[in-house]
Protein backbone atom coordinates (compact mmCIF):
# COMPACT_ATOMS: atom_id res chain seq x y z
CA MET A 1 -21.73 -3.09 -33.44
CA ASN A 2 -22.53 0.76 -32.22
CA LYS A 3 -19.43 2.60 -33.40
CA ARG A 4 -17.90 6.01 -31.42
CA GLU A 5 -15.73 8.53 -32.19
CA VAL A 6 -14.27 10.48 -28.82
CA ASP A 7 -11.13 12.77 -28.03
CA VAL A 8 -10.05 10.85 -24.72
CA ALA A 9 -11.33 7.28 -23.81
CA ILE A 10 -10.53 6.26 -20.25
CA ILE A 11 -9.91 2.37 -19.26
CA GLY A 12 -11.23 2.16 -15.80
CA ALA A 13 -13.64 3.62 -13.43
CA GLY A 14 -11.19 3.41 -10.09
CA THR A 15 -10.05 6.58 -8.14
CA ALA A 16 -7.21 7.43 -11.41
CA GLY A 17 -9.81 6.84 -13.49
CA MET A 18 -12.39 9.03 -12.20
CA VAL A 19 -9.47 11.90 -11.60
CA ALA A 20 -8.39 11.55 -14.97
CA TYR A 21 -12.04 12.18 -16.28
CA GLN A 22 -12.79 15.34 -14.33
CA ARG A 23 -9.30 16.57 -15.60
CA VAL A 24 -10.10 16.11 -19.13
CA ARG A 25 -14.02 17.16 -18.89
CA LYS A 26 -11.99 20.89 -18.05
CA ALA A 27 -11.23 20.52 -22.00
CA THR A 28 -13.88 18.83 -23.48
CA ASP A 29 -16.91 16.66 -23.31
CA ASN A 30 -16.17 14.40 -25.77
CA VAL A 31 -14.79 11.97 -23.15
CA VAL A 32 -16.14 8.21 -22.31
CA LEU A 33 -15.54 6.43 -18.93
CA ILE A 34 -15.26 2.35 -19.52
CA GLU A 35 -15.92 0.53 -16.46
CA GLY A 36 -15.68 -3.73 -16.85
CA GLU A 37 -18.04 -4.88 -14.22
CA ARG A 38 -19.09 -2.24 -11.70
CA TYR A 39 -18.73 0.77 -10.11
CA GLY A 40 -17.35 1.16 -6.81
CA THR A 41 -13.43 1.50 -5.84
CA THR A 42 -10.74 -0.85 -5.20
CA CYS A 43 -9.99 1.32 -1.92
CA ALA A 44 -14.06 2.05 -1.08
CA ARG A 45 -15.21 -1.74 -1.87
CA VAL A 46 -12.08 -4.44 -1.11
CA GLY A 47 -9.31 -2.38 -0.09
CA CYS A 48 -8.78 0.55 2.29
CA MET A 49 -12.12 1.13 4.39
CA PRO A 50 -13.09 -2.72 4.81
CA SER A 51 -9.90 -3.50 6.26
CA LYS A 52 -9.84 -0.73 8.53
CA LEU A 53 -13.19 -1.37 9.69
CA LEU A 54 -11.96 -4.90 10.18
CA ILE A 55 -8.73 -3.49 12.30
CA ALA A 56 -10.86 -1.07 14.28
CA ALA A 57 -13.43 -4.27 15.52
CA ALA A 58 -9.66 -5.67 16.46
CA GLU A 59 -8.18 -3.01 18.59
CA ARG A 60 -11.33 -2.73 20.37
CA ALA A 61 -11.10 -6.32 21.20
CA HIS A 62 -7.00 -5.90 21.65
CA ASP A 63 -7.99 -2.60 24.25
CA LEU A 64 -10.74 -4.69 26.31
CA LYS A 65 -8.28 -7.86 26.88
CA THR A 66 -4.78 -5.80 28.27
CA ALA A 67 -7.33 -3.03 29.98
CA ASP A 68 -6.46 -4.69 33.45
CA GLU A 69 -2.55 -3.31 32.97
CA PHE A 70 -4.23 0.10 33.77
CA GLY A 71 -6.42 -1.62 36.84
CA VAL A 72 -9.68 -1.66 34.13
CA LEU A 73 -10.53 -4.78 34.97
CA ALA A 74 -13.17 -5.95 31.49
CA GLY A 75 -13.64 -9.46 32.38
CA ASP A 76 -13.94 -11.98 29.67
CA VAL A 77 -13.77 -10.17 26.25
CA ARG A 78 -17.12 -11.84 23.91
CA ILE A 79 -16.50 -11.35 20.03
CA ASP A 80 -19.61 -12.33 18.08
CA GLY A 81 -18.04 -12.74 14.50
CA ARG A 82 -21.33 -12.54 13.01
CA LEU A 83 -22.53 -8.76 13.94
CA VAL A 84 -18.20 -8.19 14.00
CA MET A 85 -18.78 -8.95 10.12
CA GLU A 86 -22.28 -7.28 9.62
CA ARG A 87 -20.84 -3.72 10.36
CA VAL A 88 -18.04 -4.29 8.69
CA ARG A 89 -19.90 -5.01 5.68
CA ALA A 90 -22.64 -2.34 6.40
CA GLU A 91 -20.00 0.52 7.04
CA ARG A 92 -18.39 -0.64 3.57
CA ASP A 93 -21.32 -0.47 1.93
CA LYS A 94 -22.00 3.55 3.37
CA PHE A 95 -18.28 3.73 1.10
CA VAL A 96 -19.17 2.38 -1.67
CA ALA A 97 -22.62 4.04 -2.36
CA PRO A 98 -21.28 7.72 -2.95
CA VAL A 99 -18.47 6.07 -5.19
CA VAL A 100 -21.69 4.69 -7.17
CA ARG A 101 -23.95 7.29 -6.77
CA SER A 102 -21.42 9.97 -8.55
CA MET A 103 -20.60 7.76 -11.30
CA GLU A 104 -24.17 7.31 -12.21
CA LYS A 105 -25.27 11.25 -12.36
CA LEU A 106 -22.25 11.23 -15.03
CA PRO A 107 -23.70 11.83 -18.55
CA GLU A 108 -24.77 8.50 -20.34
CA GLU A 109 -22.98 9.15 -23.08
CA HIS A 110 -19.89 9.74 -20.75
CA ARG A 111 -20.45 6.02 -19.69
CA LEU A 112 -19.75 2.83 -20.94
CA MET A 113 -19.89 -0.44 -19.52
CA GLY A 114 -18.06 -3.69 -20.34
CA HIS A 115 -14.45 -4.64 -20.81
CA ALA A 116 -12.35 -3.15 -23.53
CA ARG A 117 -9.43 -4.30 -25.58
CA PHE A 118 -7.01 -3.13 -28.00
CA VAL A 119 -7.66 -3.65 -31.93
CA ASP A 120 -4.85 -1.12 -32.49
CA SER A 121 -3.41 2.09 -30.98
CA HIS A 122 -6.99 4.12 -31.44
CA ARG A 123 -9.13 1.75 -31.18
CA LEU A 124 -10.94 -0.15 -28.93
CA VAL A 125 -13.84 -2.78 -28.69
CA VAL A 126 -16.11 -2.33 -25.20
CA GLY A 127 -17.80 -6.00 -24.21
CA GLU A 128 -18.54 -6.97 -28.11
CA HIS A 129 -20.97 -4.47 -28.81
CA THR A 130 -19.28 -1.07 -28.85
CA GLU A 131 -16.00 0.09 -30.84
CA VAL A 132 -14.73 3.08 -29.64
CA HIS A 133 -11.96 5.56 -31.70
CA ALA A 134 -10.28 7.54 -29.58
CA ASP A 135 -7.27 10.19 -30.37
CA ARG A 136 -6.02 9.35 -26.39
CA ILE A 137 -6.21 6.67 -24.36
CA ILE A 138 -5.68 6.60 -20.57
CA ILE A 139 -5.22 2.99 -18.55
CA ALA A 140 -6.33 2.85 -15.09
CA THR A 141 -7.49 -0.48 -15.35
CA GLY A 142 -5.94 -1.24 -11.51
CA SER A 143 -4.99 -4.32 -9.94
CA ARG A 144 -6.19 -7.87 -8.57
CA PRO A 145 -4.58 -10.24 -6.24
CA ASN A 146 -2.11 -12.79 -7.62
CA VAL A 147 -2.25 -16.41 -6.33
CA PRO A 148 0.74 -18.68 -6.73
CA GLY A 149 -0.27 -21.97 -8.07
CA ILE A 150 0.20 -24.28 -4.99
CA LEU A 151 -1.88 -22.47 -3.37
CA LYS A 152 -4.85 -22.60 -5.40
CA GLU A 153 -4.83 -26.72 -4.15
CA ALA A 154 -6.91 -25.17 -1.34
CA LYS A 155 -9.91 -25.27 -3.84
CA ASP A 156 -12.74 -23.79 -2.28
CA ARG A 157 -10.87 -23.05 1.32
CA LEU A 158 -8.46 -20.67 -1.24
CA ILE A 159 -9.80 -16.36 -0.44
CA VAL A 160 -8.40 -13.21 -1.20
CA ASN A 161 -8.72 -10.42 0.68
CA ASP A 162 -11.77 -9.01 -1.40
CA ASP A 163 -14.10 -12.14 -0.29
CA VAL A 164 -13.19 -11.30 3.31
CA PHE A 165 -15.29 -8.31 3.76
CA ASP A 166 -18.42 -10.26 2.20
CA TRP A 167 -18.41 -13.00 5.24
CA GLN A 168 -21.23 -13.15 7.42
CA ASP A 169 -19.04 -14.84 10.18
CA LEU A 170 -15.42 -14.92 11.55
CA PRO A 171 -13.69 -18.79 10.87
CA GLU A 172 -12.04 -20.81 13.47
CA SER A 173 -8.94 -20.55 11.65
CA VAL A 174 -6.97 -19.30 8.85
CA ALA A 175 -3.61 -19.50 7.38
CA VAL A 176 -2.25 -15.85 5.59
CA PHE A 177 0.20 -16.58 3.02
CA GLY A 178 1.90 -12.90 2.68
CA PRO A 179 3.38 -10.95 5.43
CA GLY A 180 3.34 -8.07 3.60
CA VAL A 181 1.11 -5.21 3.79
CA ILE A 182 -2.59 -6.52 2.86
CA GLY A 183 -1.19 -9.94 5.09
CA LEU A 184 -0.02 -8.38 8.42
CA GLU A 185 -3.21 -6.20 8.47
CA LEU A 186 -5.45 -8.83 8.07
CA GLY A 187 -3.79 -11.35 10.07
CA GLN A 188 -2.90 -9.17 13.06
CA ALA A 189 -6.50 -8.05 12.91
CA LEU A 190 -7.89 -12.15 12.93
CA SER A 191 -5.74 -13.02 15.31
CA ARG A 192 -7.17 -10.10 17.88
CA LEU A 193 -10.91 -11.03 16.76
CA GLY A 194 -10.00 -14.94 18.02
CA VAL A 195 -9.04 -16.75 14.82
CA ARG A 196 -5.91 -18.97 14.67
CA VAL A 197 -3.82 -17.18 12.21
CA ARG A 198 -0.61 -18.53 11.24
CA LEU A 199 1.47 -15.91 8.65
CA PHE A 200 3.54 -17.17 6.16
CA GLY A 201 6.51 -15.92 4.17
CA VAL A 202 9.28 -16.91 2.41
CA SER A 203 11.83 -14.29 2.55
CA GLY A 204 12.05 -13.72 5.79
CA GLY A 205 10.30 -10.04 5.85
CA ILE A 206 7.14 -8.61 7.10
CA GLY A 207 5.17 -5.52 6.79
CA GLY A 208 7.35 -3.72 3.67
CA LEU A 209 9.93 -2.95 6.31
CA ARG A 210 13.36 -1.89 4.44
CA ASP A 211 15.36 -1.30 7.61
CA GLU A 212 17.13 -4.52 8.50
CA LYS A 213 17.39 -3.12 12.23
CA ILE A 214 13.33 -2.01 12.37
CA ARG A 215 12.32 -5.17 10.68
CA ASP A 216 14.39 -7.29 13.60
CA TYR A 217 12.77 -5.32 16.35
CA ALA A 218 8.94 -5.89 14.73
CA LYS A 219 9.60 -9.22 14.27
CA GLY A 220 9.77 -9.99 17.54
CA VAL A 221 7.21 -8.22 18.47
CA PHE A 222 5.05 -9.34 16.15
CA GLY A 223 5.90 -12.81 16.94
CA GLU A 224 4.88 -12.62 20.72
CA GLU A 225 1.46 -12.27 19.20
CA LEU A 226 1.02 -14.20 16.16
CA ALA A 227 2.43 -17.51 14.64
CA LEU A 228 5.17 -16.26 12.18
CA SER A 229 6.54 -18.82 9.83
CA LEU A 230 8.49 -15.87 7.58
CA LYS A 231 11.22 -18.59 5.77
CA ALA A 232 8.81 -21.08 5.26
CA GLU A 233 8.84 -23.43 2.09
CA THR A 234 5.77 -24.83 1.78
CA ARG A 235 5.59 -28.83 0.50
CA ARG A 236 1.95 -29.05 -0.12
CA VAL A 237 -1.76 -27.59 -0.14
CA GLU A 238 -4.19 -30.03 0.70
CA ARG A 239 -8.14 -29.56 0.44
CA THR A 240 -9.24 -32.15 3.20
CA GLY A 241 -12.28 -33.17 4.98
CA GLU A 242 -11.29 -30.51 7.90
CA GLY A 243 -10.26 -27.64 5.65
CA VAL A 244 -6.76 -26.95 4.39
CA HIS A 245 -3.97 -29.19 5.28
CA ILE A 246 -0.61 -27.24 4.63
CA THR A 247 3.41 -28.79 5.11
CA TRP A 248 5.95 -26.91 4.98
CA LEU A 249 9.78 -27.04 5.52
CA GLU A 250 10.95 -23.98 8.08
CA ASN A 251 14.71 -24.33 10.23
CA GLY A 252 15.19 -27.67 8.61
CA GLU A 253 12.42 -29.64 10.34
CA GLU A 254 8.46 -30.46 8.24
CA HIS A 255 5.59 -28.48 9.55
CA GLN A 256 2.28 -29.68 9.35
CA GLU A 257 -0.84 -28.03 10.36
CA THR A 258 -5.10 -27.74 9.06
CA PHE A 259 -7.07 -24.77 9.05
CA GLY A 260 -10.32 -23.64 7.88
CA TYR A 261 -9.15 -20.97 5.14
CA LEU A 262 -6.20 -19.90 3.15
CA LEU A 263 -5.90 -15.99 2.38
CA ALA A 264 -3.51 -15.36 -0.34
CA ALA A 265 -2.40 -11.99 0.30
CA THR A 266 0.46 -12.79 -2.16
CA GLY A 267 0.73 -9.33 -4.22
CA ARG A 268 -1.42 -8.02 -6.68
CA ARG A 269 -1.38 -8.21 -10.42
CA PRO A 270 -1.94 -5.66 -12.59
CA ASN A 271 -4.60 -5.56 -14.97
CA VAL A 272 -3.55 -5.38 -18.22
CA ASP A 273 -3.82 -9.52 -19.11
CA ASN A 274 -7.00 -9.07 -20.57
CA LEU A 275 -6.26 -5.76 -22.94
CA ASP A 276 -5.02 -6.93 -26.05
CA ILE A 277 -1.96 -4.34 -24.74
CA GLN A 278 0.32 -5.61 -27.76
CA ASN A 279 -2.51 -4.51 -30.14
CA ALA A 280 -1.83 -0.57 -28.66
CA GLY A 281 1.35 -0.50 -30.43
CA ILE A 282 2.97 0.69 -27.58
CA GLU A 283 6.97 -0.86 -26.13
CA LEU A 284 6.27 -3.44 -23.36
CA ASP A 285 8.73 -4.85 -20.92
CA ASP A 286 9.69 -8.65 -20.48
CA ARG A 287 6.41 -8.99 -18.31
CA GLY A 288 3.81 -7.64 -21.21
CA MET A 289 3.82 -4.25 -18.78
CA PRO A 290 4.08 -0.90 -20.81
CA GLU A 291 7.13 1.14 -20.89
CA PHE A 292 5.95 4.68 -19.24
CA ASP A 293 7.28 7.97 -17.96
CA PRO A 294 6.41 8.29 -13.97
CA PHE A 295 6.53 11.78 -14.48
CA THR A 296 3.99 12.73 -17.07
CA LEU A 297 2.32 8.46 -17.32
CA ARG A 298 2.89 8.53 -20.98
CA CYS A 299 3.73 5.35 -22.73
CA GLY A 300 6.60 6.06 -24.61
CA ASP A 301 6.24 8.13 -27.04
CA SER A 302 2.88 7.60 -27.76
CA HIS A 303 -0.79 9.43 -26.65
CA ILE A 304 -1.22 6.29 -24.44
CA PHE A 305 -1.10 6.85 -20.94
CA ILE A 306 -0.86 4.93 -17.83
CA ALA A 307 -2.26 5.34 -14.21
CA GLY A 308 -3.05 4.39 -10.79
CA ASP A 309 -2.17 0.68 -9.92
CA VAL A 310 -2.24 -0.91 -13.28
CA ASN A 311 1.43 0.11 -13.88
CA ASN A 312 2.44 -0.92 -10.20
CA HIS A 313 4.97 1.97 -9.89
CA ARG A 314 3.31 3.31 -6.44
CA PRO A 315 0.23 1.03 -6.05
CA LEU A 316 -1.37 3.98 -3.30
CA LEU A 317 -4.80 5.29 -3.68
CA HIS A 318 -3.31 8.90 -2.81
CA GLU A 319 -0.76 8.18 -5.85
CA ALA A 320 -3.48 6.75 -7.81
CA ALA A 321 -4.88 10.15 -7.60
CA ASP A 322 -2.31 12.09 -8.61
CA GLU A 323 -1.23 9.97 -10.96
CA GLY A 324 -5.29 10.25 -12.49
CA ARG A 325 -4.29 14.15 -12.68
CA ILE A 326 -1.06 13.98 -14.75
CA ALA A 327 -2.83 11.25 -17.12
CA GLY A 328 -6.12 13.31 -17.67
CA ASP A 329 -4.37 16.89 -18.02
CA ASN A 330 -1.90 15.74 -20.39
CA ALA A 331 -4.46 13.87 -22.16
CA ALA A 332 -6.42 16.65 -22.67
CA ALA A 333 -3.79 18.76 -23.37
CA TRP A 334 -2.00 16.80 -25.93
CA PRO A 335 0.26 16.77 -27.71
CA ASP A 336 1.47 19.27 -25.08
CA VAL A 337 2.48 16.96 -22.59
CA ARG A 338 4.09 17.63 -19.28
CA THR A 339 5.78 16.63 -16.08
CA GLY A 340 3.90 16.56 -12.89
CA LEU A 341 4.31 16.92 -9.32
CA ARG A 342 4.91 13.34 -7.95
CA LYS A 343 4.89 13.57 -4.44
CA THR A 344 7.21 12.81 -1.41
CA PRO A 345 6.83 8.88 -1.30
CA LEU A 346 4.54 7.81 1.80
CA ALA A 347 3.55 4.87 2.87
CA VAL A 348 1.52 3.65 6.32
CA VAL A 349 0.82 -0.01 7.62
CA PHE A 350 -2.38 -0.03 9.43
CA SER A 351 -0.75 -2.89 12.04
CA ASP A 352 -0.17 -2.46 15.37
CA PRO A 353 2.02 -1.07 15.99
CA GLN A 354 1.94 0.66 12.42
CA ILE A 355 4.74 1.07 9.98
CA ALA A 356 5.17 3.45 8.26
CA SER A 357 7.68 4.93 5.29
CA VAL A 358 8.99 8.28 4.02
CA GLY A 359 10.91 9.35 1.60
CA LEU A 360 14.05 7.53 0.39
CA THR A 361 14.66 4.01 1.99
CA ILE A 362 17.72 3.34 3.44
CA HIS A 363 18.78 1.14 0.38
CA GLN A 364 18.05 4.08 -1.85
CA VAL A 365 19.83 6.61 0.44
CA ASP A 366 22.46 4.38 0.29
CA GLU A 367 22.98 3.94 -3.12
CA LYS A 368 22.29 7.95 -3.33
CA CYS A 369 24.95 9.26 -0.99
CA GLN A 370 27.40 5.95 -1.23
CA SER A 371 27.20 6.25 2.53
CA CYS A 372 27.75 9.51 2.84
CA PHE A 373 25.00 9.92 5.60
CA ALA A 374 23.79 9.51 8.82
CA ILE A 375 21.18 7.49 11.08
CA GLY A 376 19.31 9.06 14.12
CA GLU A 377 17.34 6.67 16.14
CA VAL A 378 15.03 6.45 18.73
CA SER A 379 13.18 3.31 20.76
CA PHE A 380 9.78 4.55 21.97
CA GLU A 381 10.15 1.69 25.30
CA ASP A 382 10.99 4.41 27.48
CA GLN A 383 9.48 6.90 25.74
CA GLY A 384 6.95 9.63 27.79
CA ARG A 385 3.71 9.78 25.88
CA SER A 386 3.87 6.10 24.83
CA LYS A 387 5.01 4.56 28.13
CA VAL A 388 1.76 6.17 29.67
CA ILE A 389 -1.18 5.10 26.88
CA GLY A 390 1.08 1.84 27.32
CA ARG A 391 2.54 1.62 23.60
CA ASN A 392 5.81 1.85 24.01
CA ARG A 393 7.19 -0.77 21.71
CA GLY A 394 8.73 0.37 18.35
CA LEU A 395 11.49 2.23 16.73
CA LEU A 396 12.21 4.99 14.56
CA ARG A 397 15.25 5.47 12.26
CA VAL A 398 15.66 8.86 10.61
CA TYR A 399 18.32 9.60 7.62
CA GLY A 400 20.09 12.75 6.72
CA GLU A 401 22.62 13.78 3.90
CA HIS A 402 26.38 14.52 5.46
CA GLY A 403 27.21 18.27 4.26
CA SER A 404 24.00 20.09 3.40
CA GLY A 405 22.08 18.45 6.65
CA LEU A 406 18.76 17.31 4.69
CA PHE A 407 16.55 15.31 5.81
CA MET A 408 16.16 11.88 3.22
CA GLY A 409 14.15 9.74 4.39
CA ALA A 410 12.52 7.73 7.50
CA GLU A 411 11.03 4.40 8.51
CA MET A 412 9.36 3.84 11.54
CA PHE A 413 7.58 0.85 13.57
CA GLY A 414 5.57 2.25 16.74
CA PRO A 415 2.83 4.38 17.84
CA ALA A 416 1.28 7.30 15.63
CA ALA A 417 3.37 6.34 12.67
CA GLU A 418 0.82 7.22 10.94
CA HIS A 419 0.77 11.14 12.02
CA ILE A 420 4.70 10.90 12.46
CA ALA A 421 5.01 9.75 8.91
CA HIS A 422 3.01 13.19 7.53
CA LEU A 423 4.94 15.37 9.78
CA LEU A 424 7.77 13.89 8.06
CA ALA A 425 6.65 13.47 4.40
CA TRP A 426 5.58 17.15 4.69
CA CYS A 427 9.08 17.94 5.48
CA ALA A 428 10.82 15.77 2.94
CA GLN A 429 8.59 17.37 0.19
CA LYS A 430 9.78 21.25 1.72
CA ARG A 431 13.24 19.79 1.41
CA MET A 432 14.19 20.61 5.11
CA THR A 433 17.30 19.95 6.60
CA VAL A 434 17.43 18.40 10.05
CA SER A 435 18.19 21.28 11.99
CA GLU A 436 15.25 23.26 10.63
CA MET A 437 12.98 20.19 11.37
CA LEU A 438 14.56 20.62 15.03
CA GLU A 439 12.97 24.17 14.70
CA MET A 440 9.47 23.33 14.76
CA PRO A 441 7.59 23.43 18.03
CA PHE A 442 6.89 20.53 19.67
CA TYR A 443 4.23 20.10 22.46
CA HIS A 444 4.86 18.22 25.86
CA PRO A 445 3.79 15.34 26.60
CA VAL A 446 3.07 13.59 22.73
CA ILE A 447 4.85 10.57 21.22
CA GLU A 448 6.34 13.40 18.51
CA GLU A 449 8.71 14.52 21.36
CA GLY A 450 10.13 10.85 20.17
CA LEU A 451 10.14 12.21 16.97
CA ARG A 452 12.35 15.25 18.38
CA THR A 453 14.59 12.49 19.91
CA ALA A 454 15.53 10.52 16.51
CA LEU A 455 15.97 14.17 14.50
CA LYS A 456 18.74 14.88 17.78
CA ASN A 457 20.57 12.00 17.60
CA LEU A 458 20.90 12.54 13.55
CA ASN A 459 21.94 15.71 13.75
CA ARG A 460 25.09 14.93 16.00
CA ASN A 461 26.18 12.15 13.56
CA LEU A 462 25.65 14.37 10.66
CA ARG A 463 28.38 16.45 9.46
CA LEU A 464 27.98 19.67 7.92
CA GLY A 465 28.96 22.46 5.54
CA PRO A 466 31.52 21.69 2.97
CA GLU A 467 32.94 18.20 2.78
CA PRO A 468 36.23 17.84 5.31
CA ALA A 469 39.65 18.10 3.13
CA GLU A 470 41.80 14.98 2.29
CA GLY A 471 43.70 13.91 5.73
CA CYS A 472 41.20 15.77 7.95
CA MET A 473 42.27 15.11 11.95
CA ASP A 474 38.45 14.53 12.82
CA CYS A 475 37.36 11.94 10.22
CA GLY A 476 40.84 10.51 8.84
CA PRO A 477 42.71 10.10 5.49
CA GLY A 478 40.65 10.39 2.44
CA VAL A 479 37.41 11.10 3.65
């Protein structure tokens, strides 16, 4: 077995691992980047980019099908599934290629291929061919789809999101289990491309929405387009000659339906279980996950750091890049470990209408402020620009703190949510008050005028300045 000694070993060459490597290289050239199977990030290969390619095709098809409301008669819309998937695969490969090339350009002595596992806190065995002794180690092994046992009964017709983008053609029907971000995006896209889809859930949620008022509104809108079974108790999954036969209980009644495929979008699992992490000498929680500081990415008081989707803290690409930077800087500067900048939480679901959340959720605001906050909202049903473009469905709710007037967070279901969310995230990170946000320019006619309406509504609901004294005539006793 080959033996190597390095200052820093990085396990995983995804987004977090690659950024960590770049930061470590600023301090030392004695580093190794270990990849288990093949180069190419989750985002480029099976995540962000190929899913948006499929969504883009679905949006074009939907626009054509609904063009008659503008007096544009597009006639019968025919979808060629083979051509759709051919473009998805071809463009996907174009996103993957530069990532692979950048990896292959790294010095050969910095690259090691093979699955890594811990022998002890400083030693790794890679692919049974190399033993690496590292002063510091960064775990950046990402995550993979998690599939509940009952769904495995679909056998060869069970797929995860990774498999969708290798399809040669679109199927006739798909049962999508998991109404979260991945399930909703892919389920709606496939439905708009002519695939018969039913979206299954357990708890009644959809798209990761936390604000109950917005969630209920969104379920009504999606329910007009998709078959939703968001509170289903799955009784049986059977592989039959016709495909996958599913039996479920919903609203006290038993239902049965057969689909060509079963897509499991039931969450993702951190890739720590094959690392022999128990040998790393770090504290693990009851799920076998390393305990770590989200501001330093350090595991306990050890020399080991964990970054990206593998820590399941904020499993998003821009967060993985930030975490790679923090972990890389701290591993490079060891033992001088410092907290890194964690940006305002920002998440977007590319459904139609889109979903976005910024800053604190309504539950976090309530927990932090103990009801000392106000809410502003706007419906997009009567919002000018949204009506003009035929996308006037949605609801935005913004949260602010009494006394300080600080903007705290927001959740949105509606048009241009991906863009409005960025504006709100920048304001939250700058710790702007609601009144300061209203001093910013708003053009006319734009969808952002709806944001201004919500902020005005919030500002009217806020009690600003010092909290009222006990027995205030406006607020009542004890406020």
